[in-house]
């Protein structure tokens, strides 16, 4: 047997979206790169956003089911509270440290010491007992405040942060690490083998492939190694000597081709685009760029727009984008509103949304109509590239992503006939998915950075 190392170099944003951290290629929406097998495979868990600067994003708990908690006789015990005493400012009927009136203001149960059954008394969750949930406090009405699959009580016991879905930043939700029975949600590298847990458990579910009871067998591992063992397969070679991440050497990156970057400092965005695709700033007071990849069959734009007051989550932003598209195209059908991710810089996003438009349409014209409707300004950019109308039976698709950044949101839309989008022999499907899958957009000040990964191959 001969051993040799294969080194692959990659040029990327210094920090990429949460769905592609640690990857060496761009995968389709809903997939993540497996550095052990060298292929894209489904990612089972989407991380939810917690804005640590503004407190808990309670929408995160809507993205996950509440954990199934075992019964606790004491915490499940209900006090006998009469109607007149239920909201009394003097009584603490359930002895949880909060007076009944305070619990009524909070929305917790004055008769139960642990309203949400997460193993933490209501009075501990409202730690300063000021009758409201402040930044830094967990929610006594939700067993899993940050929506990571682990109860607030279990997270306290494990030492992880019940207000952050991924306390150690390894790409795996705290709930999955706790449920594994051996992973440490406070350590990026549980077993200390220098491979982050998120690399060894690349689909981020806390398991080893489909192996029962986390017992490693090559046939069921799906290319994953065990974040809890330095030598997963017991062959005497540590895991970090079988798959290794390296600093890039000049010869590794000599032939890399940097992407074309569309940058708006005022809009605070940077979009990576295929080199040579015609593009232009849209002007008219907008922080937006348009592009025409006529050779591949799609057009598109990226823009920083004012966030509607009602769009408090990326899902609501995606709904807003669809409703605006439907204003222009009344027969539009929402195929999917996309899926939630957290961007590399901590912003909630919905990526991979798809809207179907009927009729014989032209990609660049549709692009202009959509950005005009979203921005409230008539947009008709002069960008090189000639498009023809799609066939009447070939729906035009508007594929989009939205990134919510407070008062502004970043939206990227690509318009493409379905035939081009689905054509396995063409470029449109891959390029559109890359543009709208969360990996191509960043803040204006983000730099490109080279990363390298090496594999040992036995032949």
Protein backbone atom coordinates (compact mmCIF):
# COMPACT_ATOMS: atom_id res chain seq x y z
CA UNK A 1 0.00 0.00 0.00
CA UNK A 2 1.29 3.44 -0.87
CA UNK A 3 0.16 6.60 0.85
CA UNK A 4 0.04 10.04 -0.67
CA UNK A 5 -1.59 13.34 0.17
CA UNK A 6 -3.94 15.20 -2.13
CA UNK A 7 -4.06 18.93 -1.43
CA UNK A 8 -7.02 21.00 -2.61
CA UNK A 9 -6.93 24.78 -2.39
CA UNK A 10 -9.94 27.06 -2.20
CA UNK A 11 -10.50 30.80 -2.39
CA UNK A 12 -13.42 31.94 -0.25
CA UNK A 13 -14.76 34.67 2.02
CA UNK A 14 -12.88 34.75 5.30
CA UNK A 15 -16.02 33.47 6.98
CA UNK A 16 -18.76 31.80 5.04
CA UNK A 17 -22.35 30.93 5.82
CA UNK A 18 -23.14 28.46 8.52
CA UNK A 19 -24.16 25.82 6.03
CA UNK A 20 -20.75 25.71 4.41
CA UNK A 21 -18.26 26.20 7.23
CA UNK A 22 -15.28 23.96 6.81
CA UNK A 23 -16.22 22.93 3.28
CA UNK A 24 -13.87 22.98 0.32
CA UNK A 25 -16.52 23.14 -2.39
CA UNK A 26 -19.88 24.88 -2.78
CA UNK A 27 -22.72 22.45 -2.20
CA UNK A 28 -26.36 22.75 -3.21
CA UNK A 29 -28.95 24.21 -0.84
CA UNK A 30 -29.65 21.72 1.94
CA UNK A 31 -26.26 20.03 1.57
CA UNK A 32 -22.88 20.25 3.27
CA UNK A 33 -19.44 19.16 2.10
CA UNK A 34 -18.12 15.94 3.69
CA UNK A 35 -14.35 16.46 3.93
CA UNK A 36 -13.75 12.77 4.57
CA UNK A 37 -15.63 11.43 1.55
CA UNK A 38 -15.01 14.54 -0.59
CA UNK A 39 -18.68 14.85 -1.65
CA UNK A 40 -21.73 16.97 -0.85
CA UNK A 41 -24.30 15.24 1.34
CA UNK A 42 -27.50 16.38 3.11
CA UNK A 43 -27.13 18.53 6.19
CA UNK A 44 -29.78 17.47 8.66
CA UNK A 45 -29.83 20.46 10.99
CA UNK A 46 -30.16 24.16 10.19
CA UNK A 47 -28.78 26.37 12.93
CA UNK A 48 -31.10 29.04 14.27
CA UNK A 49 -30.17 32.60 14.99
CA UNK A 50 -29.63 34.14 18.38
CA UNK A 51 -28.78 37.83 18.33
CA UNK A 52 -26.60 38.09 21.40
CA UNK A 53 -26.48 41.87 21.10
CA UNK A 54 -30.23 42.25 21.25
CA UNK A 55 -31.16 39.32 23.47
CA UNK A 56 -32.85 36.07 22.58
CA UNK A 57 -34.52 35.71 19.18
CA UNK A 58 -37.61 33.91 20.42
CA UNK A 59 -38.45 32.89 16.84
CA UNK A 60 -35.73 30.27 17.16
CA UNK A 61 -37.97 28.18 19.38
CA UNK A 62 -40.50 28.03 16.55
CA UNK A 63 -37.97 26.21 14.37
CA UNK A 64 -37.57 23.20 16.68
CA UNK A 65 -39.89 21.03 18.70
CA UNK A 66 -39.72 21.40 22.45
CA UNK A 67 -37.51 18.71 23.99
CA UNK A 68 -39.30 15.68 25.38
CA UNK A 69 -38.65 16.09 29.09
CA UNK A 70 -39.00 13.32 31.69
CA UNK A 71 -41.57 13.84 34.44
CA UNK A 72 -40.42 15.56 37.61
CA UNK A 73 -42.86 14.95 40.47
CA UNK A 74 -41.91 18.13 42.34
CA UNK A 75 -41.86 20.45 39.37
CA UNK A 76 -45.05 18.94 37.94
CA UNK A 77 -46.87 19.43 41.24
CA UNK A 78 -49.56 22.10 41.09
CA UNK A 79 -50.47 24.32 44.05
CA UNK A 80 -54.08 24.94 44.97
CA UNK A 81 -54.58 28.56 43.98
CA UNK A 82 -57.98 30.22 44.21
CA UNK A 83 -59.19 32.65 41.61
CA UNK A 84 -58.84 35.60 44.01
CA UNK A 85 -55.25 34.71 44.85
CA UNK A 86 -54.05 33.75 41.38
CA UNK A 87 -52.50 37.13 40.61
CA UNK A 88 -51.93 38.29 44.18
CA UNK A 89 -48.89 40.61 44.50
CA UNK A 90 -48.26 39.22 48.01
CA UNK A 91 -48.41 35.43 47.54
CA UNK A 92 -45.96 32.97 46.03
CA UNK A 93 -48.28 29.98 45.86
CA UNK A 94 -45.92 27.58 44.08
CA UNK A 95 -42.80 28.62 46.07
CA UNK A 96 -40.73 29.21 42.92
CA UNK A 97 -39.40 32.59 44.02
CA UNK A 98 -41.88 34.68 42.03
CA UNK A 99 -45.00 36.25 43.52
CA UNK A 100 -48.26 35.38 41.79
CA UNK A 101 -48.75 38.88 40.39
CA UNK A 102 -45.31 38.74 38.85
CA UNK A 103 -46.13 35.39 37.21
CA UNK A 104 -49.33 36.79 35.74
CA UNK A 105 -47.30 39.63 34.21
CA UNK A 106 -44.78 37.14 32.81
CA UNK A 107 -47.36 34.71 31.47
CA UNK A 108 -46.18 31.85 33.69
CA UNK A 109 -48.37 29.66 35.90
CA UNK A 110 -48.60 30.84 39.53
CA UNK A 111 -49.61 27.30 40.52
CA UNK A 112 -46.57 25.52 39.01
CA UNK A 113 -42.98 26.18 40.11
CA UNK A 114 -41.64 25.21 36.67
CA UNK A 115 -44.16 26.34 34.08
CA UNK A 116 -42.28 25.01 31.05
CA UNK A 117 -40.99 21.82 32.79
CA UNK A 118 -37.40 22.45 31.74
CA UNK A 119 -35.96 21.68 35.17
CA UNK A 120 -35.42 25.34 36.09
CA UNK A 121 -37.70 27.15 38.52
CA UNK A 122 -39.62 30.11 37.11
CA UNK A 123 -37.93 32.31 39.71
CA UNK A 124 -34.51 31.20 38.50
CA UNK A 125 -35.37 32.02 34.89
CA UNK A 126 -36.50 35.54 35.81
CA UNK A 127 -33.27 35.82 37.75
CA UNK A 128 -33.66 39.43 38.93
CA UNK A 129 -37.38 38.83 39.59
CA UNK A 130 -38.44 42.09 37.97
CA UNK A 131 -41.42 40.45 36.27
CA UNK A 132 -40.02 40.59 32.75
CA UNK A 133 -37.51 38.57 30.76
CA UNK A 134 -34.39 40.63 30.23
CA UNK A 135 -31.35 40.09 28.03
CA UNK A 136 -29.40 37.21 29.50
CA UNK A 137 -32.42 35.48 31.04
CA UNK A 138 -34.06 32.32 29.76
CA UNK A 139 -37.77 32.16 29.03
CA UNK A 140 -39.78 30.36 31.70
CA UNK A 141 -42.55 29.79 29.16
CA UNK A 142 -40.31 27.81 26.79
CA UNK A 143 -38.40 24.68 27.80
CA UNK A 144 -35.82 25.40 25.11
CA UNK A 145 -35.25 29.15 24.91
CA UNK A 146 -32.71 29.10 22.08
CA UNK A 147 -34.42 26.35 20.07
CA UNK A 148 -31.38 24.07 19.85
CA UNK A 149 -33.11 20.87 20.97
CA UNK A 150 -31.71 20.90 24.51
CA UNK A 151 -33.82 22.04 27.48
CA UNK A 152 -32.66 25.06 29.44
CA UNK A 153 -32.12 22.80 32.46
CA UNK A 154 -29.99 20.30 30.52
CA UNK A 155 -27.90 23.14 29.12
CA UNK A 156 -27.26 24.51 32.59
CA UNK A 157 -26.11 21.08 33.72
CA UNK A 158 -23.88 20.67 30.64
CA UNK A 159 -22.39 24.14 31.07
CA UNK A 160 -23.59 25.33 27.65
CA UNK A 161 -25.38 28.61 27.03
CA UNK A 162 -29.20 28.22 26.91
CA UNK A 163 -29.33 31.49 24.94
CA UNK A 164 -27.04 30.34 22.12
CA UNK A 165 -27.92 27.36 19.89
CA UNK A 166 -24.24 26.52 19.32
CA UNK A 167 -22.29 27.54 22.42
CA UNK A 168 -18.87 26.39 21.21
CA UNK A 169 -19.28 27.44 17.58
CA UNK A 170 -18.39 24.02 16.19
CA UNK A 171 -21.40 23.88 13.87
CA UNK A 172 -23.39 21.38 15.97
CA UNK A 173 -26.41 22.47 17.99
CA UNK A 174 -26.00 22.13 21.76
CA UNK A 175 -29.04 19.85 21.97
CA UNK A 176 -27.49 17.35 19.57
CA UNK A 177 -24.20 17.37 21.48
CA UNK A 178 -25.95 16.81 24.81
CA UNK A 179 -28.13 14.05 23.35
CA UNK A 180 -25.06 12.23 22.00
CA UNK A 181 -24.07 11.38 25.56
CA UNK A 182 -20.37 12.11 25.04
CA UNK A 183 -19.89 15.34 23.11
CA UNK A 184 -19.09 18.52 24.99
CA UNK A 185 -21.23 21.50 23.87
CA UNK A 186 -18.68 23.87 25.39
CA UNK A 187 -15.70 22.56 23.40
CA UNK A 188 -15.22 22.93 19.65
CA UNK A 189 -13.08 19.76 19.67
CA UNK A 190 -14.42 17.31 22.25
CA UNK A 191 -11.76 14.62 21.86
CA UNK A 192 -8.85 17.03 21.37
CA UNK A 193 -7.69 15.48 18.09
CA UNK A 194 -7.50 18.94 16.42
CA UNK A 195 -10.47 18.13 14.17
CA UNK A 196 -13.48 20.28 15.13
CA UNK A 197 -16.58 18.32 16.12
CA UNK A 198 -18.41 19.87 13.16
CA UNK A 199 -15.87 18.32 10.76
CA UNK A 200 -16.08 14.83 12.27
CA UNK A 201 -19.88 14.96 12.60
CA UNK A 202 -20.33 16.81 9.31
CA UNK A 203 -24.15 16.61 9.19
CA UNK A 204 -24.32 17.96 12.73
CA UNK A 205 -26.76 15.47 14.26
CA UNK A 206 -24.65 14.14 17.15
CA UNK A 207 -24.53 10.64 15.64
CA UNK A 208 -21.97 8.65 13.66
CA UNK A 209 -23.66 8.25 10.29
CA UNK A 210 -26.53 5.82 10.80
CA UNK A 211 -24.64 3.54 13.22
CA UNK A 212 -26.85 2.35 16.12
CA UNK A 213 -25.92 3.67 19.56
CA UNK A 214 -23.01 5.64 18.08
CA UNK A 215 -20.94 2.46 17.68
CA UNK A 216 -18.57 3.04 14.76
CA UNK A 217 -18.70 0.69 11.79
CA UNK A 218 -17.38 1.72 8.39
CA UNK A 219 -20.50 0.42 6.62
CA UNK A 220 -22.85 2.78 8.49
CA UNK A 221 -20.55 5.72 9.27
CA UNK A 222 -21.29 7.56 6.00
CA UNK A 223 -17.77 8.92 6.14
CA UNK A 224 -18.10 10.45 9.60
CA UNK A 225 -15.61 9.94 12.41
CA UNK A 226 -16.33 10.05 16.16
CA UNK A 227 -15.85 13.48 17.79
CA UNK A 228 -15.54 11.65 21.12
CA UNK A 229 -12.58 9.43 20.15
CA UNK A 230 -9.11 10.38 18.97
CA UNK A 231 -8.88 7.15 16.94
CA UNK A 232 -12.38 6.37 15.72
CA UNK A 233 -11.72 3.08 13.96
CA UNK A 234 -9.06 1.84 16.39
CA UNK A 235 -6.46 1.31 13.67
CA UNK A 236 -3.72 3.04 15.62
CA UNK A 237 -3.79 6.14 13.40
CA UNK A 238 -5.34 9.22 15.04
CA UNK A 239 -8.24 10.75 13.14
CA UNK A 240 -6.30 13.97 12.53
CA UNK A 241 -3.64 11.99 10.66
CA UNK A 242 -6.26 10.54 8.33
CA UNK A 243 -7.93 13.82 7.39
CA UNK A 244 -5.92 16.98 7.87
CA UNK A 245 -6.50 20.67 7.36
CA UNK A 246 -3.41 22.66 6.39
CA UNK A 247 -2.21 26.19 5.82
CA UNK A 248 -2.00 26.98 2.13
CA UNK A 249 1.38 27.00 0.36
CA UNK A 250 1.96 29.31 -2.64
CA UNK A 251 1.92 26.37 -5.06
CA UNK A 252 -1.49 25.27 -3.72
CA UNK A 253 -3.16 28.55 -4.64
CA UNK A 254 -1.19 29.56 -7.73
CA UNK A 255 -4.00 28.61 -10.13
CA UNK A 256 -6.98 29.85 -8.13
CA UNK A 257 -9.31 32.25 -9.92
CA UNK A 258 -10.92 34.87 -7.71
CA UNK A 259 -14.62 35.56 -8.24
CA UNK A 260 -16.02 38.83 -9.54
CA UNK A 261 -17.19 40.87 -6.56
CA UNK A 262 -20.18 43.21 -6.61
CA UNK A 263 -19.65 45.62 -3.70
CA UNK A 264 -21.84 48.32 -2.16
CA UNK A 265 -20.30 50.11 0.81
CA UNK A 266 -23.52 52.04 1.42
CA UNK A 267 -25.56 48.83 1.27
CA UNK A 268 -22.83 46.93 3.18
CA UNK A 269 -22.83 43.89 0.92
CA UNK A 270 -20.41 41.99 -1.26
CA UNK A 271 -21.63 39.33 -3.70
CA UNK A 272 -19.30 36.79 -5.30
CA UNK A 273 -20.17 36.31 -8.98
CA UNK A 274 -18.65 34.22 -11.76
CA UNK A 275 -15.83 36.17 -13.49
CA UNK A 276 -16.82 37.76 -16.77
CA UNK A 277 -20.59 37.93 -16.16
CA UNK A 278 -21.77 41.44 -17.19
CA UNK A 279 -22.97 43.47 -14.20
CA UNK A 280 -23.70 47.06 -13.20
CA UNK A 281 -24.74 49.19 -10.24
CA UNK A 282 -28.46 49.92 -10.68
CA UNK A 283 -28.26 53.59 -9.66
CA UNK A 284 -31.33 55.69 -9.04
CA UNK A 285 -30.47 56.05 -5.37
CA UNK A 286 -30.55 52.28 -4.87
CA UNK A 287 -27.89 50.20 -3.17
CA UNK A 288 -28.17 47.42 -5.74
CA UNK A 289 -26.39 45.63 -8.57
CA UNK A 290 -27.79 43.70 -11.52
CA UNK A 291 -26.14 41.01 -13.62
CA UNK A 292 -26.85 39.10 -16.84
CA UNK A 293 -25.38 35.63 -17.36
CA UNK A 294 -27.03 35.27 -20.75
CA UNK A 295 -24.72 32.44 -21.79
CA UNK A 296 -26.07 30.33 -18.92
CA UNK A 297 -29.62 31.67 -19.21
CA UNK A 298 -30.18 33.60 -15.97
CA UNK A 299 -30.29 37.22 -14.82
CA UNK A 300 -30.36 38.59 -11.31
CA UNK A 301 -29.71 41.31 -8.76
CA UNK A 302 -28.50 41.91 -5.21
CA UNK A 303 -29.85 44.81 -3.17
CA UNK A 304 -29.90 46.30 0.32
CA UNK A 305 -33.46 47.44 1.04
CA UNK A 306 -35.42 48.76 4.01
CA UNK A 307 -36.78 45.99 6.22
CA UNK A 308 -40.58 46.10 6.56
CA UNK A 309 -41.60 46.67 10.17
CA UNK A 310 -43.62 43.45 10.16
CA UNK A 311 -40.76 41.29 8.84
CA UNK A 312 -39.24 40.36 12.20
CA UNK A 313 -37.88 36.98 11.03
CA UNK A 314 -36.25 35.75 7.82
CA UNK A 315 -39.35 33.65 7.16
CA UNK A 316 -41.52 36.77 7.23
CA UNK A 317 -39.01 38.53 4.97
CA UNK A 318 -39.27 35.65 2.49
CA UNK A 319 -43.05 35.98 2.66
CA UNK A 320 -42.73 39.72 1.96
CA UNK A 321 -40.57 39.07 -1.11
CA UNK A 322 -43.09 36.56 -2.44
CA UNK A 323 -46.04 38.91 -1.86
CA UNK A 324 -44.23 41.67 -3.77
CA UNK A 325 -43.46 39.32 -6.65
CA UNK A 326 -47.10 38.26 -6.68
CA UNK A 327 -48.14 41.91 -6.96
CA UNK A 328 -46.39 42.03 -10.33
CA UNK A 329 -47.18 38.43 -11.32
CA UNK A 330 -50.63 37.60 -9.81
CA UNK A 331 -50.47 33.93 -10.85
CA UNK A 332 -47.09 33.38 -9.16
CA UNK A 333 -46.81 30.21 -7.06
CA UNK A 334 -44.47 29.81 -4.09
CA UNK A 335 -42.73 26.47 -4.50
CA UNK A 336 -40.65 26.91 -1.36
CA UNK A 337 -39.94 29.82 0.96
CA UNK A 338 -36.45 28.41 1.53
CA UNK A 339 -34.84 27.34 4.77
CA UNK A 340 -33.34 29.26 7.67
CA UNK A 341 -29.60 29.53 8.24
CA UNK A 342 -27.39 31.82 10.29
CA UNK A 343 -24.79 33.65 8.25
CA UNK A 344 -21.11 33.64 9.19
CA UNK A 345 -21.50 37.06 10.82
CA UNK A 346 -24.53 36.09 12.89
CA UNK A 347 -27.48 37.30 10.83
CA UNK A 348 -30.66 35.26 10.30
CA UNK A 349 -31.33 34.36 6.66
CA UNK A 350 -33.71 32.36 4.50
CA UNK A 351 -32.04 30.83 1.45
CA UNK A 352 -33.11 28.84 -1.59
CA UNK A 353 -36.65 30.23 -1.93
CA UNK A 354 -38.29 29.48 -5.30
CA UNK A 355 -41.24 31.26 -6.95
CA UNK A 356 -42.77 29.93 -10.19
CA UNK A 357 -44.02 32.42 -12.78
CA UNK A 358 -46.24 31.35 -15.65
CA UNK A 359 -46.27 32.59 -19.23
CA UNK A 360 -43.67 33.31 -21.89
CA UNK A 361 -41.21 35.56 -20.03
CA UNK A 362 -37.68 36.95 -20.37
CA UNK A 363 -35.19 36.57 -17.51
CA UNK A 364 -33.82 40.14 -17.58
CA UNK A 365 -37.27 41.74 -17.94
CA UNK A 366 -38.62 39.72 -15.01
CA UNK A 367 -35.56 40.69 -12.95
CA UNK A 368 -36.23 44.39 -13.65
CA UNK A 369 -39.90 44.07 -12.68
CA UNK A 370 -39.10 42.35 -9.39
CA UNK A 371 -36.41 44.81 -8.24
CA UNK A 372 -38.63 47.72 -9.27
CA UNK A 373 -41.49 46.38 -7.16
CA UNK A 374 -39.30 45.60 -4.13
CA UNK A 375 -37.50 48.96 -4.20
CA UNK A 376 -40.39 51.16 -5.26
CA UNK A 377 -38.25 52.62 -8.05
CA UNK A 378 -38.42 51.95 -11.78
CA UNK A 379 -35.31 49.99 -12.69
CA UNK A 380 -34.22 49.29 -16.26
CA UNK A 381 -30.44 48.79 -16.21
CA UNK A 382 -28.37 48.66 -19.35
CA UNK A 383 -26.35 45.48 -18.93
CA UNK A 384 -24.82 43.49 -21.78
CA UNK A 385 -26.44 40.17 -22.62
CA UNK A 386 -29.29 39.10 -24.88
CA UNK A 387 -32.18 36.99 -23.61
CA UNK A 388 -35.16 35.45 -25.40
CA UNK A 389 -38.60 34.70 -24.05
CA UNK A 390 -39.05 31.30 -22.45
CA UNK A 391 -41.52 28.86 -23.96
CA UNK A 392 -45.06 29.14 -22.61
CA UNK A 393 -44.74 25.68 -21.05
CA UNK A 394 -41.34 26.48 -19.52
CA UNK A 395 -42.01 28.36 -16.25
CA UNK A 396 -39.74 31.21 -15.26
CA UNK A 397 -38.35 30.73 -11.73
CA UNK A 398 -37.35 33.48 -9.32
CA UNK A 399 -34.87 31.91 -6.91
CA UNK A 400 -34.01 34.10 -3.90
CA UNK A 401 -32.36 34.53 -0.54
CA UNK A 402 -32.90 37.17 2.16
CA UNK A 403 -30.55 38.17 4.99
CA UNK A 404 -32.10 40.20 7.81
CA UNK A 405 -29.76 42.86 9.21
CA UNK A 406 -31.99 45.04 11.37
CA UNK A 407 -33.17 48.15 9.52
CA UNK A 408 -31.85 46.79 6.19
CA UNK A 409 -32.10 43.41 4.56
CA UNK A 410 -30.04 41.95 1.73
CA UNK A 411 -31.96 40.21 -1.03
CA UNK A 412 -30.47 38.26 -3.94
CA UNK A 413 -32.77 37.11 -6.74
CA UNK A 414 -31.92 35.10 -9.86
CA UNK A 415 -34.49 34.66 -12.64
CA UNK A 416 -34.09 31.60 -14.84
CA UNK A 417 -36.30 29.37 -17.03
CA UNK A 418 -36.94 26.04 -15.34
CA UNK A 419 -35.44 24.14 -18.29
CA UNK A 420 -32.11 25.94 -17.81
CA UNK A 421 -32.26 25.61 -14.03
CA UNK A 422 -32.80 21.84 -14.24
CA UNK A 423 -30.37 21.18 -17.10
CA UNK A 424 -27.63 18.96 -15.66
CA UNK A 425 -25.37 19.75 -18.61
CA UNK A 426 -25.57 23.54 -18.16
CA UNK A 427 -24.25 26.04 -15.62
CA UNK A 428 -27.44 27.85 -14.60
CA UNK A 429 -28.64 25.49 -11.85
CA UNK A 430 -25.30 25.36 -10.04
CA UNK A 431 -24.61 29.08 -10.36
CA UNK A 432 -28.10 30.16 -9.30
CA UNK A 433 -28.03 27.81 -6.29
CA UNK A 434 -24.64 29.23 -5.32
CA UNK A 435 -25.89 32.82 -5.58
CA UNK A 436 -29.00 32.15 -3.48
CA UNK A 437 -27.76 29.45 -1.10
CA UNK A 438 -26.09 31.70 1.48
CA UNK A 439 -22.44 31.16 0.51
CA UNK A 440 -21.91 34.02 -1.96
CA UNK A 441 -22.98 37.08 0.02
CA UNK A 442 -21.04 38.82 2.78
CA UNK A 443 -20.55 42.25 4.36
CA UNK A 444 -18.74 44.82 2.22
CA UNK A 445 -15.59 44.70 4.35
CA UNK A 446 -15.21 40.89 4.23
CA UNK A 447 -12.06 39.73 2.46
CA UNK A 448 -11.31 36.69 0.35
CA UNK A 449 -9.15 34.14 2.07
CA UNK A 450 -7.48 30.93 0.94
CA UNK A 451 -8.10 27.67 2.80
CA UNK A 452 -6.64 24.26 2.07
CA UNK A 453 -7.60 20.70 2.95
CA UNK A 454 -5.54 17.58 2.45
CA UNK A 455 -6.56 13.91 2.28
CA UNK A 456 -4.50 10.81 2.72
CA UNK A 457 -5.40 8.27 0.06
CA UNK A 458 -4.40 4.61 0.39
CA UNK A 459 -3.81 2.73 -2.91
